[in-house]
Amino acid sequence: MSTPSRTNPLRRPLWLGTVASILLMVSSWSSGAQRTRGGIVRMLNLDWIMYGHVKNIGFILSWVALGLLLYCWCLWGRIVYHDNTPIRESIKTLVGWIVPLLFASPMYSRDVYSYLVQGAMVRDGFDPYRDGAAVNPGPMLLEVSPDWRNTTTPYGPLHLWIGDGITTLVGSNITIGVFLYKFISVAGYAAIAWAVVSIARHIGGNPAVALWLGVANPVVFLHLVGGMHNESVMVAFSCLGLVLALRRHPLWGALFIGIGFSLKATALVTLPFLIWIAMRQRGIAPSTWSLHDPRRTLASLKKAVPAFVFYGITTVLIVCTVLSAITYASGSSWGWVSQLSGNTKVINLLALPSFLAQFTAAFAASFFPGATFNSVLSIYRSISMIIMVVLLVVVWWRFRQTPRRAIEGAAWAYLITCIFNAVTLPWYYAAGVVLVGTFRPSPRVTHFTVIASLIVAGSFTGSGNNWLYRWSWMWIVITVAFVLYFAVFRGDESKSHRLGTTHDLAS
């Protein structure tokens, strides 16, 4: 491949990626998760683009655009690994990719319509923790996927408060409501980008690599910006909480994590690692605790136990106080507690219990005639939840030594919650993925993150349909992911500049 421009080493991924993003924006109005009734397309008498051959062309265009974007992302990664690329060039590239999607229809998910309906329910006096959207008929309900019209919300009071505010402001205008949610999701995404760069700088990582591998990751970029998921806001508050902790303000960090928790419960995964960061900054080194040196360990514990108790109790109290305040101020109820387990009707191969059930349920039925897919899945989910809790404790203890290790542990903890959870969707991985590039991950971790991200990004259509069960398609996606990875990252003639080589990059 030709050498990138000296003036801007990211010139090619910037411009090609922006073109890909523009093509995604154009195709979103034909084959994305656009409105089924009304909206901008019909107002402009362009609804013919949503049917027949034109829709098929838009569908093909969306895959071409996605393929080009994935190529540009890999190319971006090779450049930032090989050169001391200024962070400002990475920021320019990311902005170039984002701007076209500001004008796109919802993509890869119809959840934003559910957000509007749930906000309207609160506005109109209904309880989304007790009733599904169908209790409040109207134009917004017609845009919600039928599967979710009788489902309660799994999100916290902040989610409902935001929705209440938006629907109170826009009334029944779905178009303006969608664009307000896009503004919120992009603002959250921008906060994530700033926080990730700041975290990388604090713990000795490479900000350019962190921005590329985590924030510009196609799974994060497409689902948080294109899909407008509330994960964007939750992850933003969690990352900002970590930044505050790294800047020696752990209690303020707990407050931000509490705000994220009031939107979605998984924000709480970060809190235990914040305690390790706070203790290390007070001169307490958990890495010195060892049974091989009991005297030194005992001396350290005399100082550590009071600090651990203080930060443990104080941070939990702060989170509970923030949660209570937002619940009270929003006029919401505590019904969200009963919804913390999530909605188990979602079944896909991204969650380990569903993956195992898919390939073993028939085998189990041959030995136990009464066994059904759902009964086998239920057993796997119960076992998986136990394993998840154990692994979270192990990871929390294993990554206690330094702030850098604590951030790494938080990334692994989020990954564990996604893999072993009963329900997993692509954007759930965002909370962990955005942290992966901050701590200078090993080549093996980077390889896995890149390939897995390419595969997951290619597993969902622009309209949000899951193609994980289309085996022929998935084999194509897996093959393309490996070919693309090796063509870009292994195509450099200089062996010293391969991705698997250790680099001393400027941070």
Protein backbone atom coordinates (compact mmCIF):
# COMPACT_ATOMS: atom_id res chain seq x y z
CA MET A 1 0.00 0.00 0.00
CA SER A 2 1.10 3.53 -0.67
CA THR A 3 2.49 5.65 2.11
CA PRO A 4 -0.09 7.96 3.69
CA SER A 5 0.20 11.69 3.21
CA ARG A 6 2.88 13.27 5.37
CA THR A 7 0.65 16.26 6.08
CA ASN A 8 -2.13 14.04 7.37
CA PRO A 9 -1.31 10.34 7.74
CA LEU A 10 -5.02 9.60 8.15
CA ARG A 11 -6.04 11.32 4.92
CA ARG A 12 -7.21 8.12 3.21
CA PRO A 13 -9.33 6.74 6.09
CA LEU A 14 -10.69 10.25 6.68
CA TRP A 15 -11.99 10.81 3.16
CA LEU A 16 -12.92 7.23 2.27
CA GLY A 17 -14.56 6.79 5.67
CA THR A 18 -16.52 10.01 5.22
CA VAL A 19 -17.71 8.77 1.82
CA ALA A 20 -18.76 5.48 3.44
CA SER A 21 -20.62 7.39 6.14
CA ILE A 22 -22.40 9.50 3.51
CA LEU A 23 -23.45 6.34 1.67
CA LEU A 24 -24.73 4.88 4.94
CA MET A 25 -26.71 8.06 5.54
CA VAL A 26 -28.27 7.91 2.06
CA SER A 27 -29.11 4.20 2.36
CA SER A 28 -30.62 4.69 5.83
CA TRP A 29 -33.63 6.50 4.33
CA SER A 30 -34.33 3.51 2.12
CA SER A 31 -33.24 0.44 4.08
CA GLY A 32 -32.62 1.68 7.61
CA ALA A 33 -34.95 1.64 10.62
CA GLN A 34 -37.02 4.47 9.16
CA ARG A 35 -40.61 5.36 10.00
CA THR A 36 -43.38 3.06 8.81
CA ARG A 37 -45.90 5.94 8.78
CA GLY A 38 -45.26 9.61 8.11
CA GLY A 39 -41.85 11.20 8.50
CA ILE A 40 -39.54 13.21 6.29
CA VAL A 41 -39.48 10.72 3.41
CA ARG A 42 -43.26 10.79 2.98
CA MET A 43 -43.44 14.53 3.56
CA LEU A 44 -41.12 14.96 0.56
CA ASN A 45 -43.14 12.42 -1.47
CA LEU A 46 -40.11 10.16 -1.64
CA ASP A 47 -41.72 7.11 -0.07
CA TRP A 48 -41.07 5.21 -3.30
CA ILE A 49 -37.45 4.77 -2.15
CA MET A 50 -38.71 2.51 0.65
CA TYR A 51 -40.18 -0.14 -1.65
CA GLY A 52 -39.31 -2.52 -4.46
CA HIS A 53 -36.11 -2.30 -6.45
CA VAL A 54 -35.08 1.05 -4.99
CA LYS A 55 -35.20 -0.38 -1.48
CA ASN A 56 -33.12 -3.34 -2.66
CA ILE A 57 -30.58 -0.93 -4.14
CA GLY A 58 -30.49 0.93 -0.83
CA PHE A 59 -30.03 -2.38 0.97
CA ILE A 60 -27.04 -3.30 -1.23
CA LEU A 61 -25.66 0.22 -0.87
CA SER A 62 -25.76 -0.09 2.92
CA TRP A 63 -23.60 -3.24 2.81
CA VAL A 64 -21.15 -1.67 0.36
CA ALA A 65 -20.89 1.39 2.59
CA LEU A 66 -20.39 -0.77 5.68
CA GLY A 67 -17.65 -2.77 3.96
CA LEU A 68 -15.86 0.43 2.96
CA LEU A 69 -16.18 1.81 6.49
CA LEU A 70 -14.75 -1.37 8.01
CA TYR A 71 -11.82 -1.25 5.59
CA CYS A 72 -11.17 2.39 6.52
CA TRP A 73 -11.30 1.54 10.21
CA CYS A 74 -8.69 -1.19 9.78
CA LEU A 75 -6.53 1.14 7.69
CA TRP A 76 -6.84 3.82 10.37
CA GLY A 77 -5.68 1.29 12.95
CA ARG A 78 -2.62 0.26 10.97
CA ILE A 79 -1.57 3.89 10.59
CA VAL A 80 -1.93 4.86 14.26
CA TYR A 81 -0.02 1.74 15.30
CA HIS A 82 2.82 2.40 12.87
CA ASP A 83 3.21 6.15 13.26
CA ASN A 84 3.23 8.67 16.06
CA THR A 85 -0.03 10.03 14.70
CA PRO A 86 -1.14 13.29 16.36
CA ILE A 87 -4.38 12.85 18.25
CA ARG A 88 -5.89 15.84 16.41
CA GLU A 89 -5.73 13.88 13.13
CA SER A 90 -7.68 11.01 14.71
CA ILE A 91 -10.24 13.48 16.04
CA LYS A 92 -10.64 15.01 12.56
CA THR A 93 -11.20 11.55 11.11
CA LEU A 94 -13.80 10.68 13.72
CA VAL A 95 -15.66 13.96 13.19
CA GLY A 96 -15.64 13.38 9.42
CA TRP A 97 -17.29 10.01 9.97
CA ILE A 98 -19.88 11.33 12.42
CA VAL A 99 -21.19 14.39 10.57
CA PRO A 100 -23.04 12.53 7.76
CA LEU A 101 -24.82 10.32 10.28
CA LEU A 102 -26.31 13.40 11.93
CA PHE A 103 -28.67 13.49 8.94
CA ALA A 104 -29.39 9.77 8.80
CA SER A 105 -32.55 7.91 9.67
CA PRO A 106 -32.27 5.58 12.70
CA MET A 107 -30.04 2.64 11.79
CA TYR A 108 -29.42 -0.87 13.11
CA SER A 109 -32.25 -0.62 15.65
CA ARG A 110 -35.77 0.72 16.20
CA ASP A 111 -35.18 1.29 19.92
CA VAL A 112 -35.38 5.07 19.62
CA TYR A 113 -39.10 4.75 18.89
CA SER A 114 -39.50 2.71 22.08
CA TYR A 115 -37.68 5.45 23.98
CA LEU A 116 -40.19 8.00 22.70
CA VAL A 117 -43.16 5.81 23.59
CA GLN A 118 -41.85 5.17 27.10
CA GLY A 119 -41.30 8.89 27.61
CA ALA A 120 -44.84 9.58 26.40
CA MET A 121 -46.14 6.97 28.85
CA VAL A 122 -44.56 8.84 31.77
CA ARG A 123 -45.86 12.14 30.40
CA ASP A 124 -49.37 10.72 30.19
CA GLY A 125 -49.34 9.15 33.66
CA PHE A 126 -48.54 5.52 32.87
CA ASP A 127 -45.85 3.39 34.55
CA PRO A 128 -43.46 1.80 31.99
CA TYR A 129 -42.23 -0.57 34.71
CA ARG A 130 -45.69 -2.06 35.03
CA ASP A 131 -47.23 -1.70 31.57
CA GLY A 132 -46.09 -2.06 27.99
CA ALA A 133 -46.35 0.67 25.38
CA ALA A 134 -49.67 -0.69 24.10
CA VAL A 135 -51.55 0.93 27.02
CA ASN A 136 -50.93 4.34 25.44
CA PRO A 137 -52.02 4.12 21.77
CA GLY A 138 -50.92 6.80 19.35
CA PRO A 139 -48.65 7.54 16.39
CA MET A 140 -45.52 6.66 18.37
CA LEU A 141 -46.80 3.20 19.24
CA LEU A 142 -47.14 2.33 15.54
CA GLU A 143 -43.37 2.79 15.09
CA VAL A 144 -42.46 0.35 17.87
CA SER A 145 -41.64 -3.21 16.83
CA PRO A 146 -44.62 -5.48 17.62
CA ASP A 147 -42.39 -7.66 19.82
CA TRP A 148 -41.89 -4.76 22.24
CA ARG A 149 -45.36 -3.22 22.42
CA ASN A 150 -46.32 -5.20 25.50
CA THR A 151 -42.90 -5.22 27.15
CA THR A 152 -41.94 -3.15 30.19
CA THR A 153 -38.77 -1.05 30.14
CA PRO A 154 -35.53 -2.35 31.71
CA TYR A 155 -34.01 1.13 32.01
CA GLY A 156 -33.64 3.39 35.03
CA PRO A 157 -35.45 6.59 36.04
CA LEU A 158 -33.04 8.90 34.18
CA HIS A 159 -34.01 7.21 30.92
CA LEU A 160 -37.68 7.88 31.60
CA TRP A 161 -36.97 11.43 32.75
CA ILE A 162 -35.19 12.21 29.49
CA GLY A 163 -38.02 10.66 27.50
CA ASP A 164 -40.63 12.55 29.50
CA GLY A 165 -38.82 15.83 28.81
CA ILE A 166 -38.46 15.17 25.08
CA THR A 167 -42.06 14.07 24.52
CA THR A 168 -43.38 16.96 26.61
CA LEU A 169 -41.41 19.29 24.35
CA VAL A 170 -42.28 17.74 20.97
CA GLY A 171 -45.74 16.35 21.68
CA SER A 172 -46.48 13.69 19.07
CA ASN A 173 -43.87 14.94 16.57
CA ILE A 174 -41.79 11.81 16.13
CA THR A 175 -39.35 13.37 13.68
CA ILE A 176 -38.20 16.12 16.05
CA GLY A 177 -38.16 13.63 18.92
CA VAL A 178 -35.82 11.33 16.98
CA PHE A 179 -33.45 14.20 16.18
CA LEU A 180 -33.38 15.26 19.84
CA TYR A 181 -32.41 11.72 20.81
CA LYS A 182 -29.74 11.83 18.11
CA PHE A 183 -28.38 15.04 19.62
CA ILE A 184 -28.24 13.38 23.05
CA SER A 185 -26.56 10.24 21.72
CA VAL A 186 -23.95 12.23 19.78
CA ALA A 187 -23.29 14.42 22.84
CA GLY A 188 -22.78 11.26 24.88
CA TYR A 189 -20.51 9.84 22.18
CA ALA A 190 -18.42 13.03 22.18
CA ALA A 191 -18.10 12.81 25.97
CA ILE A 192 -16.95 9.20 25.62
CA ALA A 193 -14.29 10.25 23.10
CA TRP A 194 -12.98 12.99 25.39
CA ALA A 195 -13.00 10.71 28.43
CA VAL A 196 -11.26 7.82 26.66
CA VAL A 197 -8.46 10.09 25.43
CA SER A 198 -8.09 11.49 28.95
CA ILE A 199 -8.00 8.01 30.52
CA ALA A 200 -5.33 6.88 28.04
CA ARG A 201 -3.16 9.87 28.88
CA HIS A 202 -3.50 9.32 32.63
CA ILE A 203 -2.47 5.66 32.55
CA GLY A 204 0.27 5.89 29.92
CA GLY A 205 -1.68 4.70 26.91
CA ASN A 206 -1.71 6.03 23.37
CA PRO A 207 -4.71 8.38 22.93
CA ALA A 208 -4.76 7.90 19.14
CA VAL A 209 -4.92 4.11 19.50
CA ALA A 210 -7.54 4.40 22.26
CA LEU A 211 -9.72 6.61 20.08
CA TRP A 212 -9.42 4.26 17.12
CA LEU A 213 -9.79 0.88 18.82
CA GLY A 214 -12.52 1.88 21.27
CA VAL A 215 -14.46 4.99 20.27
CA ALA A 216 -14.27 4.63 16.47
CA ASN A 217 -14.85 0.88 16.76
CA PRO A 218 -17.60 0.07 14.22
CA VAL A 219 -19.78 -1.65 16.82
CA VAL A 220 -19.60 1.42 19.07
CA PHE A 221 -19.78 4.00 16.28
CA LEU A 222 -22.66 2.46 14.33
CA HIS A 223 -24.86 1.53 17.28
CA LEU A 224 -24.32 4.55 19.52
CA VAL A 225 -24.39 7.20 16.78
CA GLY A 226 -26.43 5.45 14.07
CA GLY A 227 -28.65 3.48 16.46
CA MET A 228 -28.97 6.29 19.04
CA HIS A 229 -28.93 3.90 21.98
CA ASN A 230 -29.05 5.26 25.52
CA GLU A 231 -25.87 3.26 26.11
CA SER A 232 -24.14 6.37 24.77
CA VAL A 233 -25.15 8.41 27.81
CA MET A 234 -24.55 5.61 30.32
CA VAL A 235 -21.07 4.85 29.00
CA ALA A 236 -20.26 8.57 28.93
CA PHE A 237 -21.06 9.02 32.62
CA SER A 238 -19.14 5.85 33.55
CA CYS A 239 -16.04 6.98 31.64
CA LEU A 240 -16.26 10.50 33.06
CA GLY A 241 -16.45 8.94 36.52
CA LEU A 242 -13.20 7.07 35.83
CA VAL A 243 -11.55 10.28 34.60
CA LEU A 244 -12.50 12.06 37.83
CA ALA A 245 -11.15 9.15 39.87
CA LEU A 246 -7.85 9.25 37.97
CA ARG A 247 -7.69 12.99 38.70
CA ARG A 248 -7.93 12.26 42.42
CA HIS A 249 -11.65 12.99 42.75
CA PRO A 250 -13.04 9.49 43.36
CA LEU A 251 -16.15 10.66 45.20
CA TRP A 252 -17.11 12.92 42.31
CA GLY A 253 -16.41 9.94 40.09
CA ALA A 254 -18.87 7.87 42.12
CA LEU A 255 -21.47 10.61 41.61
CA PHE A 256 -21.09 10.37 37.83
CA ILE A 257 -21.25 6.59 37.94
CA GLY A 258 -24.44 6.96 40.00
CA ILE A 259 -25.94 9.12 37.26
CA GLY A 260 -25.04 6.46 34.70
CA PHE A 261 -26.51 3.78 36.96
CA SER A 262 -29.79 5.70 37.10
CA LEU A 263 -30.01 5.21 33.34
CA LYS A 264 -28.77 1.63 33.06
CA ALA A 265 -27.64 -0.73 35.80
CA THR A 266 -24.47 -1.94 34.07
CA ALA A 267 -22.78 1.38 34.87
CA LEU A 268 -22.27 -0.01 38.37
CA VAL A 269 -19.65 -2.45 37.04
CA THR A 270 -17.14 0.42 37.11
CA LEU A 271 -17.59 1.31 40.78
CA PRO A 272 -15.48 -1.44 42.47
CA PHE A 273 -12.49 -0.56 40.28
CA LEU A 274 -12.84 3.10 41.22
CA ILE A 275 -12.16 2.02 44.82
CA TRP A 276 -8.82 0.46 43.81
CA ILE A 277 -7.85 3.67 41.99
CA ALA A 278 -8.70 5.79 45.04
CA MET A 279 -6.72 3.54 47.40
CA ARG A 280 -3.66 3.49 45.17
CA GLN A 281 -3.69 7.29 45.03
CA ARG A 282 -3.56 7.35 48.83
CA GLY A 283 -0.34 5.38 48.73
CA ILE A 284 -1.91 2.00 49.46
CA ALA A 285 -0.49 -0.71 47.21
CA PRO A 286 -2.83 -3.73 47.03
CA SER A 287 -0.20 -5.47 44.90
CA THR A 288 1.93 -5.97 48.03
CA TRP A 289 -0.69 -8.21 49.65
CA SER A 290 0.69 -11.73 49.63
CA LEU A 291 0.62 -14.79 51.88
CA HIS A 292 4.33 -15.21 51.18
CA ASP A 293 5.14 -12.03 53.11
CA PRO A 294 2.58 -11.91 55.96
CA ARG A 295 4.37 -9.19 57.96
CA ARG A 296 4.43 -6.72 55.07
CA THR A 297 0.89 -7.65 54.10
CA LEU A 298 -0.39 -7.11 57.65
CA ALA A 299 1.29 -3.70 57.85
CA SER A 300 -0.30 -2.71 54.55
CA LEU A 301 -3.73 -4.00 55.58
CA LYS A 302 -3.74 -1.87 58.74
CA LYS A 303 -3.73 1.15 56.49
CA ALA A 304 -5.78 -0.37 53.71
CA VAL A 305 -8.82 -1.66 55.62
CA PRO A 306 -9.98 1.76 56.92
CA ALA A 307 -9.49 3.29 53.47
CA PHE A 308 -11.31 0.40 51.80
CA VAL A 309 -14.24 0.66 54.21
CA PHE A 310 -14.38 4.44 53.79
CA TYR A 311 -14.36 4.42 50.00
CA GLY A 312 -16.59 1.36 49.79
CA ILE A 313 -19.31 2.77 52.04
CA THR A 314 -19.01 6.35 50.80
CA THR A 315 -19.16 5.54 47.10
CA VAL A 316 -22.14 3.22 47.58
CA LEU A 317 -23.94 5.90 49.60
CA ILE A 318 -23.24 8.47 46.89
CA VAL A 319 -24.60 6.18 44.18
CA CYS A 320 -27.72 5.39 46.23
CA THR A 321 -28.27 9.08 46.99
CA VAL A 322 -27.95 10.07 43.33
CA LEU A 323 -30.28 7.27 42.29
CA SER A 324 -32.87 8.23 44.91
CA ALA A 325 -32.68 11.92 43.97
CA ILE A 326 -33.17 11.21 40.26
CA THR A 327 -36.00 8.77 40.97
CA TYR A 328 -37.76 11.36 43.13
CA ALA A 329 -37.11 14.32 40.81
CA SER A 330 -38.27 12.41 37.73
CA GLY A 331 -41.49 11.33 39.41
CA SER A 332 -40.61 7.75 38.55
CA SER A 333 -41.15 4.67 40.71
CA TRP A 334 -38.80 2.03 42.08
CA GLY A 335 -40.33 -0.52 39.73
CA TRP A 336 -37.11 -0.49 37.74
CA VAL A 337 -35.52 -2.70 40.43
CA SER A 338 -37.71 -5.61 39.36
CA GLN A 339 -36.57 -5.10 35.76
CA LEU A 340 -32.81 -5.32 36.44
CA SER A 341 -32.61 -8.85 35.08
CA GLY A 342 -33.48 -7.48 31.64
CA ASN A 343 -35.92 -8.87 29.13
CA THR A 344 -35.29 -12.55 28.57
CA LYS A 345 -37.30 -12.75 25.36
CA VAL A 346 -34.19 -11.70 23.41
CA ILE A 347 -32.31 -14.78 22.20
CA ASN A 348 -29.22 -14.51 20.01
CA LEU A 349 -25.77 -16.00 19.72
CA LEU A 350 -24.01 -13.01 21.31
CA ALA A 351 -24.94 -14.30 24.78
CA LEU A 352 -23.16 -17.49 25.85
CA PRO A 353 -26.28 -19.19 27.33
CA SER A 354 -28.17 -18.72 24.05
CA PHE A 355 -25.13 -19.86 22.06
CA LEU A 356 -24.82 -23.07 24.07
CA ALA A 357 -28.56 -23.77 23.99
CA GLN A 358 -28.62 -23.35 20.22
CA PHE A 359 -26.13 -26.17 19.70
CA THR A 360 -26.98 -28.51 22.59
CA ALA A 361 -30.77 -28.34 23.05
CA ALA A 362 -31.45 -31.00 20.42
CA PHE A 363 -28.72 -33.20 21.89
CA ALA A 364 -30.24 -32.83 25.39
CA ALA A 365 -33.68 -33.74 24.06
CA SER A 366 -32.32 -37.06 22.79
CA PHE A 367 -31.48 -38.03 26.39
CA PHE A 368 -34.32 -36.22 28.14
CA PRO A 369 -37.49 -36.39 26.01
CA GLY A 370 -39.16 -33.61 27.99
CA ALA A 371 -36.35 -31.14 27.39
CA THR A 372 -37.20 -28.16 25.21
CA PHE A 373 -35.05 -25.34 23.90
CA ASN A 374 -36.48 -22.93 26.48
CA SER A 375 -35.92 -25.31 29.39
CA VAL A 376 -32.31 -25.93 28.36
CA LEU A 377 -31.78 -22.19 27.87
CA SER A 378 -33.19 -21.47 31.32
CA ILE A 379 -30.68 -23.87 32.90
CA TYR A 380 -27.79 -22.35 30.98
CA ARG A 381 -28.86 -18.85 31.99
CA SER A 382 -29.00 -19.76 35.67
CA ILE A 383 -25.56 -21.38 35.59
CA SER A 384 -24.17 -18.51 33.54
CA MET A 385 -25.34 -15.88 36.03
CA ILE A 386 -23.54 -17.69 38.85
CA ILE A 387 -20.35 -17.94 36.79
CA MET A 388 -20.64 -14.25 35.90
CA VAL A 389 -20.80 -13.16 39.54
CA VAL A 390 -17.82 -15.34 40.46
CA LEU A 391 -15.75 -14.06 37.53
CA LEU A 392 -16.58 -10.43 38.32
CA VAL A 393 -15.23 -10.89 41.85
CA VAL A 394 -12.12 -12.67 40.54
CA VAL A 395 -11.44 -9.94 37.97
CA TRP A 396 -12.00 -7.20 40.53
CA TRP A 397 -9.42 -8.77 42.84
CA ARG A 398 -7.01 -9.73 40.06
CA PHE A 399 -6.77 -6.18 38.68
CA ARG A 400 -6.21 -4.27 41.91
CA GLN A 401 -2.54 -3.28 41.61
CA THR A 402 -2.50 0.09 39.81
CA PRO A 403 -4.92 2.55 38.17
CA ARG A 404 -3.91 1.14 34.79
CA ARG A 405 -4.72 -2.38 35.93
CA ALA A 406 -8.02 -1.17 37.39
CA ILE A 407 -9.06 0.29 34.03
CA GLU A 408 -8.06 -2.95 32.33
CA GLY A 409 -10.09 -4.87 34.89
CA ALA A 410 -13.14 -2.69 34.25
CA ALA A 411 -12.91 -3.51 30.53
CA TRP A 412 -12.74 -7.24 31.28
CA ALA A 413 -15.61 -6.96 33.76
CA TYR A 414 -17.85 -5.38 31.15
CA LEU A 415 -16.90 -8.10 28.68
CA ILE A 416 -17.84 -10.76 31.24
CA THR A 417 -21.26 -9.16 31.83
CA CYS A 418 -21.91 -9.24 28.09
CA ILE A 419 -20.80 -12.82 27.49
CA PHE A 420 -22.45 -14.43 30.50
CA ASN A 421 -25.55 -12.26 30.71
CA ALA A 422 -28.92 -13.80 29.86
CA VAL A 423 -29.45 -11.20 27.14
CA THR A 424 -26.82 -9.46 25.01
CA LEU A 425 -27.12 -7.07 22.07
CA PRO A 426 -24.23 -5.54 20.08
CA TRP A 427 -24.28 -2.14 21.76
CA TYR A 428 -23.95 -3.75 25.20
CA TYR A 429 -20.29 -4.33 24.37
CA ALA A 430 -19.66 -0.59 24.01
CA ALA A 431 -18.98 -0.03 27.72
CA GLY A 432 -16.02 -2.42 27.70
CA VAL A 433 -14.79 -1.89 24.15
CA VAL A 434 -14.25 1.87 24.61
CA LEU A 435 -11.73 1.11 27.39
CA VAL A 436 -9.75 -1.57 25.55
CA GLY A 437 -7.39 0.79 23.75
CA THR A 438 -6.60 2.96 26.78
CA PHE A 439 -4.18 0.64 28.59
CA ARG A 440 -1.94 -0.46 25.70
CA PRO A 441 -3.53 -3.89 25.21
CA SER A 442 -1.42 -6.83 24.15
CA PRO A 443 -1.31 -7.68 20.42
CA ARG A 444 -3.46 -10.74 21.10
CA VAL A 445 -6.19 -8.65 22.76
CA THR A 446 -6.03 -6.12 19.94
CA HIS A 447 -6.25 -8.84 17.27
CA PHE A 448 -9.28 -10.38 18.97
CA THR A 449 -11.00 -7.01 19.42
CA VAL A 450 -10.55 -6.07 15.77
CA ILE A 451 -11.72 -9.37 14.31
CA ALA A 452 -14.66 -9.75 16.71
CA SER A 453 -15.75 -6.17 16.02
CA LEU A 454 -15.69 -6.75 12.26
CA ILE A 455 -17.81 -9.89 12.65
CA VAL A 456 -20.40 -8.32 14.97
CA ALA A 457 -20.65 -5.19 12.81
CA GLY A 458 -21.48 -7.35 9.79
CA SER A 459 -24.11 -9.41 11.60
CA PHE A 460 -26.96 -6.88 11.63
CA THR A 461 -28.74 -5.15 8.77
CA GLY A 462 -29.35 -1.42 8.59
CA SER A 463 -32.96 -2.00 9.62
CA GLY A 464 -31.82 -3.78 12.77
CA ASN A 465 -32.51 -7.36 11.72
CA ASN A 466 -30.32 -10.05 13.23
CA TRP A 467 -28.52 -12.20 10.66
CA LEU A 468 -26.59 -14.26 13.20
CA TYR A 469 -28.67 -17.32 12.33
CA ARG A 470 -28.08 -17.09 8.58
CA TRP A 471 -25.20 -19.52 8.59
CA SER A 472 -24.13 -18.97 4.99
CA TRP A 473 -24.05 -15.20 5.58
CA MET A 474 -22.12 -15.55 8.83
CA TRP A 475 -19.46 -17.69 7.16
CA ILE A 476 -19.09 -14.95 4.55
CA VAL A 477 -18.80 -12.29 7.29
CA ILE A 478 -16.23 -14.32 9.24
CA THR A 479 -14.19 -14.95 6.09
CA VAL A 480 -14.30 -11.30 5.04
CA ALA A 481 -13.34 -10.20 8.57
CA PHE A 482 -10.21 -12.37 8.59
CA VAL A 483 -9.28 -11.49 5.00
CA LEU A 484 -9.74 -7.78 5.69
CA TYR A 485 -7.75 -8.00 8.91
CA PHE A 486 -4.80 -9.84 7.39
CA ALA A 487 -4.86 -7.77 4.18
CA VAL A 488 -4.59 -4.51 6.10
CA PHE A 489 -2.64 -5.34 9.26
CA ARG A 490 -0.38 -8.03 7.81
CA GLY A 491 0.21 -6.36 4.46
CA ASP A 492 3.07 -4.12 5.58
CA GLU A 493 6.41 -5.16 4.11
CA SER A 494 8.29 -3.98 7.18
CA LYS A 495 8.25 -6.75 9.74
CA SER A 496 9.17 -4.32 12.47
CA HIS A 497 5.94 -2.46 11.87
CA ARG A 498 3.48 -5.24 12.31
CA LEU A 499 0.58 -4.93 14.70
CA GLY A 500 1.93 -7.75 16.83
CA THR A 501 5.17 -5.89 17.53
CA THR A 502 5.62 -3.89 20.70
CA HIS A 503 5.61 -0.17 19.98
CA ASP A 504 6.74 2.73 22.08
CA LEU A 505 4.22 5.26 20.86
CA ALA A 506 3.97 8.80 22.08
CA SER A 507 1.03 9.41 24.33
